[in-house]
Amino acid sequence: MEDRTVEYKGVKITLFGHASVKIKGSKVIYIDPYILPEGEVEKADLVIFTHGHFDHCVDPSRIMKEDTITIGCDCRYASRDIRPGDHISLEGIEIEAVYAYNPNKPFHPKGAGVGVIIEIDGVKIYHTGDTEYIPEMKELKGKVDVALLPIGGTYTMDVDQAVKAADIIEPKLVIPMHYNVIEGTEADPEEFKRKVESLGKGIKVEILY
């Protein structure tokens, strides 16, 4: 699977597929590194695991160096546990853990996973983790620059829920994720892009895989 990178105000965001993301600014951050490219990979200053499922909480040894920090929710590879409402400052990076859950499905109970808002080099990036559209997203309106939103349905938001989330949150840039990798996450990112652009709010959509 070919990955692509987008740059926002000097911060590079690479989506390797599914929910596996690298953020590179003054530090290198990986989120849910279930999918990584072959060969040499850039080492992480910080690894974040949004929850304990197999496609998110994975052995990070390939991206670890001696001083890499690992944090996460219910993930055995994290040296520090995080929960919704936690705020963490690490070497110039600000991390806020927010809710991520399924309101009416058993896959992701409330409190058993997180989304994260990462502020690095003045840019705020929201990685939702595995979540459907939830009321708490209204509190994020206008507060993030970039949002990575799942569109695959079944375990997370589907396309229409993700469009609703983009409409409520109003990021400058939105990136669809968590689709077409594992069974039950089939979705069309081009449909998502069309629907977000039809909102008329000037939200830019970048499809990275």
C-alpha atoms as a PDB file:
ATOM      1  CA  MET A   1       0.000   0.000   0.000  1.00  0.00           C
ATOM      2  CA  GLU A   2       1.443   3.339  -1.045  1.00  0.00           C
ATOM      3  CA  ASP A   3       1.341   6.032   1.598  1.00  0.00           C
ATOM      4  CA  ARG A   4       1.295   9.752   1.048  1.00  0.00           C
ATOM      5  CA  THR A   5       2.275  12.751   3.113  1.00  0.00           C
ATOM      6  CA  VAL A   6       0.634  16.130   3.466  1.00  0.00           C
ATOM      7  CA  GLU A   7       2.270  19.161   5.071  1.00  0.00           C
ATOM      8  CA  TYR A   8       0.382  21.691   7.163  1.00  0.00           C
ATOM      9  CA  LYS A   9       2.271  24.783   8.355  1.00  0.00           C
ATOM     10  CA  GLY A  10       5.564  22.893   8.392  1.00  0.00           C
ATOM     11  CA  VAL A  11       4.268  19.763  10.110  1.00  0.00           C
ATOM     12  CA  LYS A  12       4.238  16.636   7.939  1.00  0.00           C
ATOM     13  CA  ILE A  13       1.482  14.066   8.362  1.00  0.00           C
ATOM     14  CA  THR A  14       1.896  10.617   6.806  1.00  0.00           C
ATOM     15  CA  LEU A  15      -0.882   8.024   6.784  1.00  0.00           C
ATOM     16  CA  PHE A  16       0.507   4.544   6.199  1.00  0.00           C
ATOM     17  CA  GLY A  17      -2.963   3.021   6.013  1.00  0.00           C
ATOM     18  CA  HIS A  18      -5.771   2.194   8.443  1.00  0.00           C
ATOM     19  CA  ALA A  19      -5.178   4.468  11.472  1.00  0.00           C
ATOM     20  CA  SER A  20      -1.374   4.335  11.407  1.00  0.00           C
ATOM     21  CA  VAL A  21      -0.008   7.856  11.310  1.00  0.00           C
ATOM     22  CA  LYS A  22       3.368   9.568  11.546  1.00  0.00           C
ATOM     23  CA  ILE A  23       3.533  13.233  12.493  1.00  0.00           C
ATOM     24  CA  LYS A  24       6.845  14.955  11.915  1.00  0.00           C
ATOM     25  CA  GLY A  25       7.723  18.427  13.081  1.00  0.00           C
ATOM     26  CA  SER A  26      10.328  19.275  15.686  1.00  0.00           C
ATOM     27  CA  LYS A  27       9.623  15.752  17.028  1.00  0.00           C
ATOM     28  CA  VAL A  28       8.546  12.486  15.388  1.00  0.00           C
ATOM     29  CA  ILE A  29       5.268  11.014  16.638  1.00  0.00           C
ATOM     30  CA  TYR A  30       3.604   7.756  15.642  1.00  0.00           C
ATOM     31  CA  ILE A  31      -0.019   6.915  16.408  1.00  0.00           C
ATOM     32  CA  ASP A  32      -1.318   3.310  16.291  1.00  0.00           C
ATOM     33  CA  PRO A  33       1.588   1.933  14.185  1.00  0.00           C
ATOM     34  CA  TYR A  34      -0.235  -1.181  12.943  1.00  0.00           C
ATOM     35  CA  ILE A  35       0.949  -0.531   9.384  1.00  0.00           C
ATOM     36  CA  LEU A  36       4.496   0.613   8.678  1.00  0.00           C
ATOM     37  CA  PRO A  37       6.507   0.766   5.440  1.00  0.00           C
ATOM     38  CA  GLU A  38       9.030  -1.927   4.612  1.00  0.00           C
ATOM     39  CA  GLY A  39      12.722  -1.334   5.214  1.00  0.00           C
ATOM     40  CA  GLU A  40      14.192   1.334   7.428  1.00  0.00           C
ATOM     41  CA  VAL A  41      11.710   3.511   9.277  1.00  0.00           C
ATOM     42  CA  GLU A  42      12.285   6.783  11.056  1.00  0.00           C
ATOM     43  CA  LYS A  43      12.550   6.374  14.815  1.00  0.00           C
ATOM     44  CA  ALA A  44       9.957   7.886  17.105  1.00  0.00           C
ATOM     45  CA  ASP A  45      10.294  10.412  19.886  1.00  0.00           C
ATOM     46  CA  LEU A  46       6.756   9.521  20.980  1.00  0.00           C
ATOM     47  CA  VAL A  47       4.394   6.624  20.236  1.00  0.00           C
ATOM     48  CA  ILE A  48       0.691   6.873  21.098  1.00  0.00           C
ATOM     49  CA  PHE A  49      -1.750   3.956  21.216  1.00  0.00           C
ATOM     50  CA  THR A  50      -5.412   4.959  21.199  1.00  0.00           C
ATOM     51  CA  HIS A  51      -6.697   1.617  22.563  1.00  0.00           C
ATOM     52  CA  GLY A  52      -5.869  -2.022  23.035  1.00  0.00           C
ATOM     53  CA  HIS A  53      -7.193  -3.676  19.864  1.00  0.00           C
ATOM     54  CA  PHE A  54      -4.806  -5.673  17.661  1.00  0.00           C
ATOM     55  CA  ASP A  55      -4.913  -3.149  14.816  1.00  0.00           C
ATOM     56  CA  HIS A  56      -3.865  -0.259  17.076  1.00  0.00           C
ATOM     57  CA  CYS A  57      -1.880  -1.640  20.024  1.00  0.00           C
ATOM     58  CA  VAL A  58       1.123  -3.281  18.355  1.00  0.00           C
ATOM     59  CA  ASP A  59       4.772  -3.954  19.166  1.00  0.00           C
ATOM     60  CA  PRO A  60       6.568  -0.653  18.378  1.00  0.00           C
ATOM     61  CA  SER A  61      10.101  -2.064  18.448  1.00  0.00           C
ATOM     62  CA  ARG A  62      10.815  -1.133  14.802  1.00  0.00           C
ATOM     63  CA  ILE A  63      10.316   2.562  15.557  1.00  0.00           C
ATOM     64  CA  MET A  64      11.806   2.654  19.038  1.00  0.00           C
ATOM     65  CA  LYS A  65      15.060   4.274  20.087  1.00  0.00           C
ATOM     66  CA  GLU A  66      16.607   4.441  23.530  1.00  0.00           C
ATOM     67  CA  ASP A  67      14.607   7.451  24.711  1.00  0.00           C
ATOM     68  CA  THR A  68      11.300   6.910  22.877  1.00  0.00           C
ATOM     69  CA  ILE A  69       8.272   7.614  25.079  1.00  0.00           C
ATOM     70  CA  THR A  70       5.197   5.381  24.761  1.00  0.00           C
ATOM     71  CA  ILE A  71       1.735   6.298  26.047  1.00  0.00           C
ATOM     72  CA  GLY A  72      -1.646   4.750  25.440  1.00  0.00           C
ATOM     73  CA  CYS A  73      -5.009   3.579  26.683  1.00  0.00           C
ATOM     74  CA  ASP A  74      -5.267  -0.099  27.628  1.00  0.00           C
ATOM     75  CA  CYS A  75      -2.224  -1.019  25.524  1.00  0.00           C
ATOM     76  CA  ARG A  76       0.421  -3.315  26.985  1.00  0.00           C
ATOM     77  CA  TYR A  77       3.162  -1.614  24.952  1.00  0.00           C
ATOM     78  CA  ALA A  78       2.539   1.771  26.575  1.00  0.00           C
ATOM     79  CA  SER A  79       4.699   2.744  29.524  1.00  0.00           C
ATOM     80  CA  ARG A  80       2.137   5.331  30.612  1.00  0.00           C
ATOM     81  CA  ASP A  81      -1.637   4.944  30.572  1.00  0.00           C
ATOM     82  CA  ILE A  82      -3.867   7.764  29.366  1.00  0.00           C
ATOM     83  CA  ARG A  83      -7.600   8.277  29.762  1.00  0.00           C
ATOM     84  CA  PRO A  84     -10.152  10.771  28.433  1.00  0.00           C
ATOM     85  CA  GLY A  85      -9.560  14.151  30.048  1.00  0.00           C
ATOM     86  CA  ASP A  86      -5.826  13.665  30.567  1.00  0.00           C
ATOM     87  CA  HIS A  87      -3.450  16.443  29.509  1.00  0.00           C
ATOM     88  CA  ILE A  88       0.213  15.610  29.039  1.00  0.00           C
ATOM     89  CA  SER A  89       3.179  17.840  28.166  1.00  0.00           C
ATOM     90  CA  LEU A  90       6.200  16.067  26.704  1.00  0.00           C
ATOM     91  CA  GLU A  91       9.231  17.916  25.372  1.00  0.00           C
ATOM     92  CA  GLY A  92       7.292  20.717  23.745  1.00  0.00           C
ATOM     93  CA  ILE A  93       4.377  18.502  22.649  1.00  0.00           C
ATOM     94  CA  GLU A  94       0.956  18.977  24.219  1.00  0.00           C
ATOM     95  CA  ILE A  95      -1.383  15.977  24.245  1.00  0.00           C
ATOM     96  CA  GLU A  96      -5.033  16.017  25.243  1.00  0.00           C
ATOM     97  CA  ALA A  97      -6.894  12.708  25.461  1.00  0.00           C
ATOM     98  CA  VAL A  98     -10.568  12.902  24.480  1.00  0.00           C
ATOM     99  CA  TYR A  99     -13.425  10.429  24.310  1.00  0.00           C
ATOM    100  CA  ALA A 100     -13.637   7.792  21.564  1.00  0.00           C
ATOM    101  CA  TYR A 101     -16.384   5.162  21.688  1.00  0.00           C
ATOM    102  CA  ASN A 102     -19.404   3.463  20.111  1.00  0.00           C
ATOM    103  CA  PRO A 103     -22.638   4.795  21.644  1.00  0.00           C
ATOM    104  CA  ASN A 104     -24.731   1.757  20.699  1.00  0.00           C
ATOM    105  CA  LYS A 105     -22.263  -0.991  19.775  1.00  0.00           C
ATOM    106  CA  PRO A 106     -20.050  -3.241  21.914  1.00  0.00           C
ATOM    107  CA  PHE A 107     -16.773  -2.785  20.037  1.00  0.00           C
ATOM    108  CA  HIS A 108     -15.440   0.311  21.819  1.00  0.00           C
ATOM    109  CA  PRO A 109     -17.019   1.017  25.211  1.00  0.00           C
ATOM    110  CA  LYS A 110     -16.846   4.535  26.583  1.00  0.00           C
ATOM    111  CA  GLY A 111     -13.621   5.029  28.527  1.00  0.00           C
ATOM    112  CA  ALA A 112     -11.796   2.041  27.000  1.00  0.00           C
ATOM    113  CA  GLY A 113     -10.063   4.107  24.326  1.00  0.00           C
ATOM    114  CA  VAL A 114      -9.156   7.664  23.478  1.00  0.00           C
ATOM    115  CA  GLY A 115      -8.788  10.117  20.690  1.00  0.00           C
ATOM    116  CA  VAL A 116      -5.867  12.501  20.967  1.00  0.00           C
ATOM    117  CA  ILE A 117      -5.351  16.159  20.163  1.00  0.00           C
ATOM    118  CA  ILE A 118      -1.665  16.776  19.638  1.00  0.00           C
ATOM    119  CA  GLU A 119      -0.208  20.269  19.506  1.00  0.00           C
ATOM    120  CA  ILE A 120       3.217  20.362  17.889  1.00  0.00           C
ATOM    121  CA  ASP A 121       4.960  23.451  16.503  1.00  0.00           C
ATOM    122  CA  GLY A 122       1.745  25.438  16.866  1.00  0.00           C
ATOM    123  CA  VAL A 123      -0.384  22.965  14.881  1.00  0.00           C
ATOM    124  CA  LYS A 124      -3.240  21.038  16.526  1.00  0.00           C
ATOM    125  CA  ILE A 125      -3.919  17.588  15.067  1.00  0.00           C
ATOM    126  CA  TYR A 126      -6.884  15.451  16.122  1.00  0.00           C
ATOM    127  CA  HIS A 127      -6.645  11.678  15.695  1.00  0.00           C
ATOM    128  CA  THR A 128     -10.019  10.305  16.720  1.00  0.00           C
ATOM    129  CA  GLY A 129      -9.010   6.755  17.537  1.00  0.00           C
ATOM    130  CA  ASP A 130     -11.830   4.272  16.944  1.00  0.00           C
ATOM    131  CA  THR A 131     -15.057   6.168  17.452  1.00  0.00           C
ATOM    132  CA  GLU A 132     -18.414   6.875  15.972  1.00  0.00           C
ATOM    133  CA  TYR A 133     -19.835  10.380  15.916  1.00  0.00           C
ATOM    134  CA  ILE A 134     -20.262  11.334  19.575  1.00  0.00           C
ATOM    135  CA  PRO A 135     -21.705  14.431  21.288  1.00  0.00           C
ATOM    136  CA  GLU A 136     -18.322  15.346  22.796  1.00  0.00           C
ATOM    137  CA  MET A 137     -17.092  16.314  19.322  1.00  0.00           C
ATOM    138  CA  LYS A 138     -19.147  19.509  19.548  1.00  0.00           C
ATOM    139  CA  GLU A 139     -16.669  20.753  22.150  1.00  0.00           C
ATOM    140  CA  LEU A 140     -13.881  20.651  19.538  1.00  0.00           C
ATOM    141  CA  LYS A 141     -15.471  23.133  17.143  1.00  0.00           C
ATOM    142  CA  GLY A 142     -12.794  25.437  15.751  1.00  0.00           C
ATOM    143  CA  LYS A 143     -10.150  24.043  18.124  1.00  0.00           C
ATOM    144  CA  VAL A 144      -8.152  21.800  15.763  1.00  0.00           C
ATOM    145  CA  ASP A 145      -6.321  22.485  12.516  1.00  0.00           C
ATOM    146  CA  VAL A 146      -6.198  18.944  11.146  1.00  0.00           C
ATOM    147  CA  ALA A 147      -8.603  16.065  11.828  1.00  0.00           C
ATOM    148  CA  LEU A 148      -8.019  12.417  10.941  1.00  0.00           C
ATOM    149  CA  LEU A 149     -11.489  10.870  10.769  1.00  0.00           C
ATOM    150  CA  PRO A 150     -12.384   7.183  10.288  1.00  0.00           C
ATOM    151  CA  ILE A 151     -14.906   6.471   7.530  1.00  0.00           C
ATOM    152  CA  GLY A 152     -15.018   2.651   7.410  1.00  0.00           C
ATOM    153  CA  GLY A 153     -18.177   2.104   9.429  1.00  0.00           C
ATOM    154  CA  THR A 154     -18.909  -1.055  11.486  1.00  0.00           C
ATOM    155  CA  TYR A 155     -16.383  -0.263  14.251  1.00  0.00           C
ATOM    156  CA  THR A 156     -16.161   3.512  13.681  1.00  0.00           C
ATOM    157  CA  MET A 157     -17.880   6.354  11.911  1.00  0.00           C
ATOM    158  CA  ASP A 158     -19.075   5.688   8.394  1.00  0.00           C
ATOM    159  CA  VAL A 159     -18.789   8.279   5.634  1.00  0.00           C
ATOM    160  CA  ASP A 160     -21.910  10.219   6.624  1.00  0.00           C
ATOM    161  CA  GLN A 161     -21.031  10.292  10.319  1.00  0.00           C
ATOM    162  CA  ALA A 162     -17.527  11.482   9.458  1.00  0.00           C
ATOM    163  CA  VAL A 163     -18.972  14.249   7.292  1.00  0.00           C
ATOM    164  CA  LYS A 164     -21.117  15.280  10.266  1.00  0.00           C
ATOM    165  CA  ALA A 165     -18.023  15.297  12.481  1.00  0.00           C
ATOM    166  CA  ALA A 166     -16.144  17.484   9.991  1.00  0.00           C
ATOM    167  CA  ASP A 167     -19.129  19.828   9.832  1.00  0.00           C
ATOM    168  CA  ILE A 168     -19.247  20.149  13.629  1.00  0.00           C
ATOM    169  CA  ILE A 169     -15.493  20.347  14.301  1.00  0.00           C
ATOM    170  CA  GLU A 170     -14.625  22.614  11.338  1.00  0.00           C
ATOM    171  CA  PRO A 171     -10.930  21.739  10.953  1.00  0.00           C
ATOM    172  CA  LYS A 172      -8.929  23.452   8.236  1.00  0.00           C
ATOM    173  CA  LEU A 173      -7.840  20.090   6.849  1.00  0.00           C
ATOM    174  CA  VAL A 174      -9.422  16.655   7.162  1.00  0.00           C
ATOM    175  CA  ILE A 175      -7.905  13.278   6.282  1.00  0.00           C
ATOM    176  CA  PRO A 176     -10.058  10.129   6.012  1.00  0.00           C
ATOM    177  CA  MET A 177      -8.639   6.981   7.631  1.00  0.00           C
ATOM    178  CA  HIS A 178      -9.566   3.518   8.936  1.00  0.00           C
ATOM    179  CA  TYR A 179     -11.060   2.149   5.724  1.00  0.00           C
ATOM    180  CA  ASN A 180     -10.436  -0.650   3.187  1.00  0.00           C
ATOM    181  CA  VAL A 181      -7.804  -2.480   5.271  1.00  0.00           C
ATOM    182  CA  ILE A 182      -9.618  -4.870   7.603  1.00  0.00           C
ATOM    183  CA  GLU A 183     -12.912  -6.619   6.893  1.00  0.00           C
ATOM    184  CA  GLY A 184     -15.954  -4.500   7.605  1.00  0.00           C
ATOM    185  CA  THR A 185     -14.294  -1.156   6.851  1.00  0.00           C
ATOM    186  CA  GLU A 186     -15.070  -0.824   3.152  1.00  0.00           C
ATOM    187  CA  ALA A 187     -15.667   2.809   2.165  1.00  0.00           C
ATOM    188  CA  ASP A 188     -15.051   5.309  -0.639  1.00  0.00           C
ATOM    189  CA  PRO A 189     -12.824   8.220   0.410  1.00  0.00           C
ATOM    190  CA  GLU A 190     -13.777  10.125  -2.738  1.00  0.00           C
ATOM    191  CA  GLU A 191     -17.416  10.076  -1.591  1.00  0.00           C
ATOM    192  CA  PHE A 192     -16.304  11.484   1.746  1.00  0.00           C
ATOM    193  CA  LYS A 193     -14.323  14.217   0.003  1.00  0.00           C
ATOM    194  CA  ARG A 194     -17.258  15.231  -2.189  1.00  0.00           C
ATOM    195  CA  LYS A 195     -19.630  15.423   0.750  1.00  0.00           C
ATOM    196  CA  VAL A 196     -17.249  17.453   2.927  1.00  0.00           C
ATOM    197  CA  GLU A 197     -16.549  19.883   0.108  1.00  0.00           C
ATOM    198  CA  SER A 198     -20.305  20.252  -0.495  1.00  0.00           C
ATOM    199  CA  LEU A 199     -20.654  21.634   3.045  1.00  0.00           C
ATOM    200  CA  GLY A 200     -19.293  24.899   1.664  1.00  0.00           C
ATOM    201  CA  LYS A 201     -17.105  25.593   4.700  1.00  0.00           C
ATOM    202  CA  GLY A 202     -13.787  25.580   2.872  1.00  0.00           C
ATOM    203  CA  ILE A 203     -12.557  22.453   4.633  1.00  0.00           C
ATOM    204  CA  LYS A 204      -9.762  20.892   2.595  1.00  0.00           C
ATOM    205  CA  VAL A 205      -9.779  17.105   2.221  1.00  0.00           C
ATOM    206  CA  GLU A 206      -6.598  15.121   1.547  1.00  0.00           C
ATOM    207  CA  ILE A 207      -6.890  11.435   0.665  1.00  0.00           C
ATOM    208  CA  LEU A 208      -3.572   9.834   1.655  1.00  0.00           C
ATOM    209  CA  TYR A 209      -4.158   6.206   0.642  1.00  0.00           C
END
